[in-house]
Amino acid sequence: MNEMRQSSGNKLGDLSGVARDMDEVIKDLQKNQYSQKTQDRQRKILSRMLDSQVSMTQRGEDERQSSSAKTN
């Protein structure tokens, strides 16, 4: 989790909340305490990671279009 936080920086947006939620899910699973709250956290993690992926894809496309416009 720490690696993810450090490597993401601000490039991927604020994923520190995701890392924190992941740590909580891991703790719950280690204690065999899977609950509705754990499941909700997992959904939230997935949603935020997918949003981040979409954002990165859009950013890459914007950069590609920008560099194409400069060369033309």
PDB file of N, CA and C in Angstrom:
ATOM      1  N   MET A   1       0.821  -1.182   0.000  1.00  0.00           N
ATOM      2  CA  MET A   1       0.000   0.000   0.000  1.00  0.00           C
ATOM      3  C   MET A   1       0.872   1.255   0.000  1.00  0.00           C
ATOM      4  N   ASN A   2       1.934   1.219   0.797  1.00  0.00           N
ATOM      5  CA  ASN A   2       2.808   2.383   0.856  1.00  0.00           C
ATOM      6  C   ASN A   2       3.429   2.682  -0.498  1.00  0.00           C
ATOM      7  N   GLU A   3       3.838   1.628  -1.225  1.00  0.00           N
ATOM      8  CA  GLU A   3       4.412   1.824  -2.553  1.00  0.00           C
ATOM      9  C   GLU A   3       3.413   2.502  -3.470  1.00  0.00           C
ATOM     10  N   MET A   4       2.163   2.080  -3.397  1.00  0.00           N
ATOM     11  CA  MET A   4       1.133   2.660  -4.248  1.00  0.00           C
ATOM     12  C   MET A   4       0.972   4.145  -3.939  1.00  0.00           C
ATOM     13  N   ARG A   5       0.970   4.486  -2.667  1.00  0.00           N
ATOM     14  CA  ARG A   5       0.823   5.887  -2.285  1.00  0.00           C
ATOM     15  C   ARG A   5       1.989   6.717  -2.780  1.00  0.00           C
ATOM     16  N   GLN A   6       3.215   6.190  -2.616  1.00  0.00           N
ATOM     17  CA  GLN A   6       4.399   6.939  -3.010  1.00  0.00           C
ATOM     18  C   GLN A   6       4.514   7.068  -4.516  1.00  0.00           C
ATOM     19  N   SER A   7       4.250   5.986  -5.232  1.00  0.00           N
ATOM     20  CA  SER A   7       4.419   6.023  -6.682  1.00  0.00           C
ATOM     21  C   SER A   7       3.336   6.833  -7.373  1.00  0.00           C
ATOM     22  N   SER A   8       2.158   6.905  -6.773  1.00  0.00           N
ATOM     23  CA  SER A   8       1.070   7.617  -7.441  1.00  0.00           C
ATOM     24  C   SER A   8       1.260   9.122  -7.385  1.00  0.00           C
ATOM     25  N   GLY A   9       1.784   9.623  -6.285  1.00  0.00           N
ATOM     26  CA  GLY A   9       1.931  11.060  -6.144  1.00  0.00           C
ATOM     27  C   GLY A   9       0.620  11.748  -6.461  1.00  0.00           C
ATOM     28  N   ASN A  10       0.689  12.850  -7.188  1.00  0.00           N
ATOM     29  CA  ASN A  10      -0.531  13.531  -7.614  1.00  0.00           C
ATOM     30  C   ASN A  10      -0.930  13.143  -9.021  1.00  0.00           C
ATOM     31  N   LYS A  11      -0.134  12.318  -9.677  1.00  0.00           N
ATOM     32  CA  LYS A  11      -0.432  11.925 -11.046  1.00  0.00           C
ATOM     33  C   LYS A  11      -1.760  11.196 -11.143  1.00  0.00           C
ATOM     34  N   LEU A  12      -2.079  10.379 -10.190  1.00  0.00           N
ATOM     35  CA  LEU A  12      -3.287   9.569 -10.251  1.00  0.00           C
ATOM     36  C   LEU A  12      -4.415  10.135  -9.415  1.00  0.00           C
ATOM     37  N   GLY A  13      -4.250  11.317  -8.933  1.00  0.00           N
ATOM     38  CA  GLY A  13      -5.275  11.858  -8.066  1.00  0.00           C
ATOM     39  C   GLY A  13      -5.034  11.367  -6.647  1.00  0.00           C
ATOM     40  N   ASP A  14      -5.971  11.613  -5.798  1.00  0.00           N
ATOM     41  CA  ASP A  14      -5.812  11.242  -4.394  1.00  0.00           C
ATOM     42  C   ASP A  14      -6.265   9.807  -4.177  1.00  0.00           C
ATOM     43  N   LEU A  15      -5.305   8.895  -4.223  1.00  0.00           N
ATOM     44  CA  LEU A  15      -5.620   7.491  -3.979  1.00  0.00           C
ATOM     45  C   LEU A  15      -5.272   7.083  -2.551  1.00  0.00           C
ATOM     46  N   SER A  16      -4.880   8.042  -1.718  1.00  0.00           N
ATOM     47  CA  SER A  16      -4.530   7.692  -0.345  1.00  0.00           C
ATOM     48  C   SER A  16      -5.736   7.107   0.391  1.00  0.00           C
ATOM     49  N   GLY A  17      -6.914   7.582   0.091  1.00  0.00           N
ATOM     50  CA  GLY A  17      -8.117   7.033   0.703  1.00  0.00           C
ATOM     51  C   GLY A  17      -8.346   5.594   0.288  1.00  0.00           C
ATOM     52  N   VAL A  18      -8.012   5.273  -0.963  1.00  0.00           N
ATOM     53  CA  VAL A  18      -8.148   3.904  -1.459  1.00  0.00           C
ATOM     54  C   VAL A  18      -7.171   3.001  -0.724  1.00  0.00           C
ATOM     55  N   ALA A  19      -5.945   3.454  -0.586  1.00  0.00           N
ATOM     56  CA  ALA A  19      -4.935   2.652   0.106  1.00  0.00           C
ATOM     57  C   ALA A  19      -5.346   2.403   1.553  1.00  0.00           C
ATOM     58  N   ARG A  20      -5.887   3.409   2.184  1.00  0.00           N
ATOM     59  CA  ARG A  20      -6.348   3.268   3.572  1.00  0.00           C
ATOM     60  C   ARG A  20      -7.485   2.252   3.649  1.00  0.00           C
ATOM     61  N   ASP A  21      -8.431   2.348   2.706  1.00  0.00           N
ATOM     62  CA  ASP A  21      -9.537   1.389   2.675  1.00  0.00           C
ATOM     63  C   ASP A  21      -9.028  -0.025   2.411  1.00  0.00           C
ATOM     64  N   MET A  22      -8.036  -0.156   1.531  1.00  0.00           N
ATOM     65  CA  MET A  22      -7.459  -1.475   1.255  1.00  0.00           C
ATOM     66  C   MET A  22      -6.842  -2.065   2.522  1.00  0.00           C
ATOM     67  N   ASP A  23      -6.141  -1.230   3.265  1.00  0.00           N
ATOM     68  CA  ASP A  23      -5.551  -1.701   4.522  1.00  0.00           C
ATOM     69  C   ASP A  23      -6.632  -2.194   5.478  1.00  0.00           C
ATOM     70  N   GLU A  24      -7.752  -1.475   5.541  1.00  0.00           N
ATOM     71  CA  GLU A  24      -8.851  -1.878   6.422  1.00  0.00           C
ATOM     72  C   GLU A  24      -9.463  -3.204   5.974  1.00  0.00           C
ATOM     73  N   VAL A  25      -9.628  -3.379   4.668  1.00  0.00           N
ATOM     74  CA  VAL A  25     -10.170  -4.639   4.145  1.00  0.00           C
ATOM     75  C   VAL A  25      -9.229  -5.787   4.486  1.00  0.00           C
ATOM     76  N   ILE A  26      -7.936  -5.563   4.318  1.00  0.00           N
ATOM     77  CA  ILE A  26      -6.943  -6.594   4.643  1.00  0.00           C
ATOM     78  C   ILE A  26      -7.047  -6.985   6.113  1.00  0.00           C
ATOM     79  N   LYS A  27      -7.149  -5.990   6.990  1.00  0.00           N
ATOM     80  CA  LYS A  27      -7.276  -6.273   8.425  1.00  0.00           C
ATOM     81  C   LYS A  27      -8.533  -7.087   8.718  1.00  0.00           C
ATOM     82  N   ASP A  28      -9.646  -6.689   8.103  1.00  0.00           N
ATOM     83  CA  ASP A  28     -10.901  -7.423   8.310  1.00  0.00           C
ATOM     84  C   ASP A  28     -10.758  -8.878   7.877  1.00  0.00           C
ATOM     85  N   LEU A  29     -10.150  -9.092   6.717  1.00  0.00           N
ATOM     86  CA  LEU A  29      -9.999 -10.455   6.201  1.00  0.00           C
ATOM     87  C   LEU A  29      -9.053 -11.281   7.065  1.00  0.00           C
ATOM     88  N   GLN A  30      -8.001 -10.649   7.568  1.00  0.00           N
ATOM     89  CA  GLN A  30      -7.073 -11.371   8.439  1.00  0.00           C
ATOM     90  C   GLN A  30      -7.751 -11.812   9.734  1.00  0.00           C
ATOM     91  N   LYS A  31      -8.705 -11.028  10.183  1.00  0.00           N
ATOM     92  CA  LYS A  31      -9.432 -11.349  11.416  1.00  0.00           C
ATOM     93  C   LYS A  31     -10.666 -12.208  11.152  1.00  0.00           C
ATOM     94  N   ASN A  32     -10.867 -12.594   9.887  1.00  0.00           N
ATOM     95  CA  ASN A  32     -12.079 -13.335   9.496  1.00  0.00           C
ATOM     96  C   ASN A  32     -13.344 -12.585   9.898  1.00  0.00           C
ATOM     97  N   GLN A  33     -13.325 -11.277   9.719  1.00  0.00           N
ATOM     98  CA  GLN A  33     -14.469 -10.432  10.078  1.00  0.00           C
ATOM     99  C   GLN A  33     -15.041  -9.751   8.835  1.00  0.00           C
ATOM    100  N   TYR A  34     -15.401 -10.548   7.854  1.00  0.00           N
ATOM    101  CA  TYR A  34     -15.978  -9.997   6.626  1.00  0.00           C
ATOM    102  C   TYR A  34     -17.405  -9.555   6.918  1.00  0.00           C
ATOM    103  N   SER A  35     -17.686  -8.286   6.701  1.00  0.00           N
ATOM    104  CA  SER A  35     -19.010  -7.736   7.005  1.00  0.00           C
ATOM    105  C   SER A  35     -19.515  -6.909   5.823  1.00  0.00           C
ATOM    106  N   GLN A  36     -20.694  -6.365   5.996  1.00  0.00           N
ATOM    107  CA  GLN A  36     -21.254  -5.482   4.965  1.00  0.00           C
ATOM    108  C   GLN A  36     -20.353  -4.267   4.772  1.00  0.00           C
ATOM    109  N   LYS A  37     -19.784  -3.787   5.864  1.00  0.00           N
ATOM    110  CA  LYS A  37     -18.886  -2.635   5.798  1.00  0.00           C
ATOM    111  C   LYS A  37     -17.647  -2.970   4.959  1.00  0.00           C
ATOM    112  N   THR A  38     -17.140  -4.184   5.111  1.00  0.00           N
ATOM    113  CA  THR A  38     -15.990  -4.627   4.318  1.00  0.00           C
ATOM    114  C   THR A  38     -16.360  -4.665   2.843  1.00  0.00           C
ATOM    115  N   GLN A  39     -17.515  -5.198   2.553  1.00  0.00           N
ATOM    116  CA  GLN A  39     -17.979  -5.284   1.171  1.00  0.00           C
ATOM    117  C   GLN A  39     -18.169  -3.886   0.572  1.00  0.00           C
ATOM    118  N   ASP A  40     -18.709  -2.972   1.348  1.00  0.00           N
ATOM    119  CA  ASP A  40     -18.885  -1.595   0.878  1.00  0.00           C
ATOM    120  C   ASP A  40     -17.538  -0.947   0.577  1.00  0.00           C
ATOM    121  N   ARG A  41     -16.560  -1.203   1.445  1.00  0.00           N
ATOM    122  CA  ARG A  41     -15.213  -0.675   1.208  1.00  0.00           C
ATOM    123  C   ARG A  41     -14.640  -1.214  -0.097  1.00  0.00           C
ATOM    124  N   GLN A  42     -14.838  -2.506  -0.344  1.00  0.00           N
ATOM    125  CA  GLN A  42     -14.324  -3.111  -1.570  1.00  0.00           C
ATOM    126  C   GLN A  42     -14.964  -2.474  -2.804  1.00  0.00           C
ATOM    127  N   ARG A  43     -16.239  -2.219  -2.745  1.00  0.00           N
ATOM    128  CA  ARG A  43     -16.924  -1.561  -3.868  1.00  0.00           C
ATOM    129  C   ARG A  43     -16.381  -0.151  -4.083  1.00  0.00           C
ATOM    130  N   LYS A  44     -16.162   0.553  -2.981  1.00  0.00           N
ATOM    131  CA  LYS A  44     -15.635   1.912  -3.054  1.00  0.00           C
ATOM    132  C   LYS A  44     -14.224   1.903  -3.657  1.00  0.00           C
ATOM    133  N   ILE A  45     -13.407   0.954  -3.245  1.00  0.00           N
ATOM    134  CA  ILE A  45     -12.050   0.816  -3.787  1.00  0.00           C
ATOM    135  C   ILE A  45     -12.112   0.590  -5.293  1.00  0.00           C
ATOM    136  N   LEU A  46     -12.919  -0.358  -5.714  1.00  0.00           N
ATOM    137  CA  LEU A  46     -13.040  -0.676  -7.136  1.00  0.00           C
ATOM    138  C   LEU A  46     -13.504   0.542  -7.929  1.00  0.00           C
ATOM    139  N   SER A  47     -14.507   1.221  -7.428  1.00  0.00           N
ATOM    140  CA  SER A  47     -15.049   2.385  -8.120  1.00  0.00           C
ATOM    141  C   SER A  47     -13.995   3.476  -8.287  1.00  0.00           C
ATOM    142  N   ARG A  48     -13.265   3.780  -7.230  1.00  0.00           N
ATOM    143  CA  ARG A  48     -12.259   4.840  -7.302  1.00  0.00           C
ATOM    144  C   ARG A  48     -11.093   4.450  -8.196  1.00  0.00           C
ATOM    145  N   MET A  49     -10.718   3.181  -8.188  1.00  0.00           N
ATOM    146  CA  MET A  49      -9.628   2.745  -9.061  1.00  0.00           C
ATOM    147  C   MET A  49     -10.057   2.794 -10.524  1.00  0.00           C
ATOM    148  N   LEU A  50     -11.288   2.410 -10.813  1.00  0.00           N
ATOM    149  CA  LEU A  50     -11.788   2.500 -12.182  1.00  0.00           C
ATOM    150  C   LEU A  50     -11.876   3.956 -12.636  1.00  0.00           C
ATOM    151  N   ASP A  51     -12.320   4.839 -11.755  1.00  0.00           N
ATOM    152  CA  ASP A  51     -12.362   6.267 -12.080  1.00  0.00           C
ATOM    153  C   ASP A  51     -10.963   6.790 -12.387  1.00  0.00           C
ATOM    154  N   SER A  52      -9.995   6.349 -11.605  1.00  0.00           N
ATOM    155  CA  SER A  52      -8.613   6.763 -11.821  1.00  0.00           C
ATOM    156  C   SER A  52      -8.099   6.272 -13.166  1.00  0.00           C
ATOM    157  N   GLN A  53      -8.444   5.044 -13.519  1.00  0.00           N
ATOM    158  CA  GLN A  53      -8.024   4.484 -14.803  1.00  0.00           C
ATOM    159  C   GLN A  53      -8.619   5.285 -15.964  1.00  0.00           C
ATOM    160  N   VAL A  54      -9.889   5.627 -15.869  1.00  0.00           N
ATOM    161  CA  VAL A  54     -10.538   6.422 -16.912  1.00  0.00           C
ATOM    162  C   VAL A  54      -9.849   7.777 -17.028  1.00  0.00           C
ATOM    163  N   SER A  55      -9.560   8.377 -15.899  1.00  0.00           N
ATOM    164  CA  SER A  55      -8.902   9.677 -15.884  1.00  0.00           C
ATOM    165  C   SER A  55      -7.523   9.608 -16.541  1.00  0.00           C
ATOM    166  N   MET A  56      -6.756   8.567 -16.221  1.00  0.00           N
ATOM    167  CA  MET A  56      -5.427   8.410 -16.821  1.00  0.00           C
ATOM    168  C   MET A  56      -5.532   8.209 -18.326  1.00  0.00           C
ATOM    169  N   THR A  57      -6.501   7.440 -18.768  1.00  0.00           N
ATOM    170  CA  THR A  57      -6.700   7.197 -20.199  1.00  0.00           C
ATOM    171  C   THR A  57      -7.040   8.500 -20.914  1.00  0.00           C
ATOM    172  N   GLN A  58      -7.944   9.270 -20.340  1.00  0.00           N
ATOM    173  CA  GLN A  58      -8.328  10.550 -20.945  1.00  0.00           C
ATOM    174  C   GLN A  58      -7.144  11.502 -20.991  1.00  0.00           C
ATOM    175  N   ARG A  59      -6.365  11.526 -19.926  1.00  0.00           N
ATOM    176  CA  ARG A  59      -5.197  12.393 -19.872  1.00  0.00           C
ATOM    177  C   ARG A  59      -4.193  12.006 -20.954  1.00  0.00           C
ATOM    178  N   GLY A  60      -3.994  10.711 -21.144  1.00  0.00           N
ATOM    179  CA  GLY A  60      -3.081  10.231 -22.176  1.00  0.00           C
ATOM    180  C   GLY A  60      -3.553  10.617 -23.564  1.00  0.00           C
ATOM    181  N   GLU A  61      -4.854  10.503 -23.803  1.00  0.00           N
ATOM    182  CA  GLU A  61      -5.409  10.892 -25.101  1.00  0.00           C
ATOM    183  C   GLU A  61      -5.263  12.390 -25.322  1.00  0.00           C
ATOM    184  N   ASP A  62      -5.499  13.182 -24.284  1.00  0.00           N
ATOM    185  CA  ASP A  62      -5.347  14.635 -24.397  1.00  0.00           C
ATOM    186  C   ASP A  62      -3.906  15.004 -24.729  1.00  0.00           C
ATOM    187  N   GLU A  63      -2.952  14.347 -24.061  1.00  0.00           N
ATOM    188  CA  GLU A  63      -1.541  14.627 -24.320  1.00  0.00           C
ATOM    189  C   GLU A  63      -1.160  14.224 -25.740  1.00  0.00           C
ATOM    190  N   ARG A  64      -1.671  13.098 -26.196  1.00  0.00           N
ATOM    191  CA  ARG A  64      -1.373  12.625 -27.548  1.00  0.00           C
ATOM    192  C   ARG A  64      -1.929  13.610 -28.576  1.00  0.00           C
ATOM    193  N   GLN A  65      -3.149  14.083 -28.370  1.00  0.00           N
ATOM    194  CA  GLN A  65      -3.750  15.049 -29.291  1.00  0.00           C
ATOM    195  C   GLN A  65      -2.980  16.361 -29.272  1.00  0.00           C
ATOM    196  N   SER A  66      -2.545  16.760 -28.100  1.00  0.00           N
ATOM    197  CA  SER A  66      -1.793  17.998 -27.961  1.00  0.00           C
ATOM    198  C   SER A  66      -0.467  17.918 -28.709  1.00  0.00           C
ATOM    199  N   SER A  67       0.226  16.804 -28.582  1.00  0.00           N
ATOM    200  CA  SER A  67       1.510  16.666 -29.269  1.00  0.00           C
ATOM    201  C   SER A  67       1.309  16.543 -30.776  1.00  0.00           C
ATOM    202  N   SER A  68       0.213  15.935 -31.219  1.00  0.00           N
ATOM    203  CA  SER A  68      -0.093  15.841 -32.652  1.00  0.00           C
ATOM    204  C   SER A  68      -0.378  17.222 -33.227  1.00  0.00           C
ATOM    205  N   ALA A  69      -1.070  18.040 -32.487  1.00  0.00           N
ATOM    206  CA  ALA A  69      -1.402  19.386 -32.948  1.00  0.00           C
ATOM    207  C   ALA A  69      -0.143  20.235 -33.087  1.00  0.00           C
ATOM    208  N   LYS A  70       0.829  20.028 -32.220  1.00  0.00           N
ATOM    209  CA  LYS A  70       2.075  20.795 -32.274  1.00  0.00           C
ATOM    210  C   LYS A  70       2.916  20.414 -33.482  1.00  0.00           C
ATOM    211  N   THR A  71       2.875  19.146 -33.884  1.00  0.00           N
ATOM    212  CA  THR A  71       3.696  18.698 -35.009  1.00  0.00           C
ATOM    213  C   THR A  71       3.062  19.025 -36.352  1.00  0.00           C
ATOM    214  N   ASN A  72       1.767  19.314 -36.372  1.00  0.00           N
ATOM    215  CA  ASN A  72       1.086  19.616 -37.650  1.00  0.00           C
ATOM    216  C   ASN A  72       1.143  21.051 -37.985  1.00  0.00           C
TER     217      ASN A  72
END
